[in-house]
Amino acid sequence: MRRYWLLAALPFALTACGGNHADAGAAADTAGTAMDTAAAAPVAAPPAQPPAGMDTTHPTVSLMQLGGSGVTGTATFAAMGADSTQVLVMLKGAPAGVHDGHIHKGRCASPDGVAAPLQPITAGADGTGQMTAVVALPLDSIMDGNHVVAYHEAGGSPGKMVTCGDIPAKM
């Protein structure tokens, strides 16, 4: 059904380009054949490798707001030898103040105990802040599908969580 509207429009397009009606009929037959061939063409599979330039050695986790806090961000991880991991956390939308953060066991839907403390982030008036810390946990153990990065409201001890990101299992 879709190709019929193309066939109906083809004579008008050819007339505008200086073609005649006899050519339009022949072109319509050819267009129908070309469309059938194109519809049968196989679809290319996505590449097996990540795109060039994509850094897969430093996994990044998106931090999502919790409870309508508006606080989001990212956490990026890098192995530091066999026993430590460097963590870079960047927050945005955070109220000004000092926000405590941790790597917790569990998932954001049901976080558990603290696996490692992170450096506090001081958010400025623009709602942004960041920190870099090295934690005494191997990257492989953090990326077991059972850890999260979470930051808490400012002024708490540590206060309720305002942003959280599930750290995926390493593939």
Foldseek 3Di string as FASTA:
>chain_A
DVLVVVLVCQVVVCVVVVHDPVVSVVVSVVVVVVVVVVVPDDDDDDDPDDDPPDDPQKDKWWKDFPPPQQKIWMWIWHFDPFFKIKIKIKIASAAAAKKWKAKFFAAPVDTDHGPWTDHIWGADNRRITMDMDMTRGGPQVSQQQTIKIWIAHHPDPNHHTGIMTGRHHDD
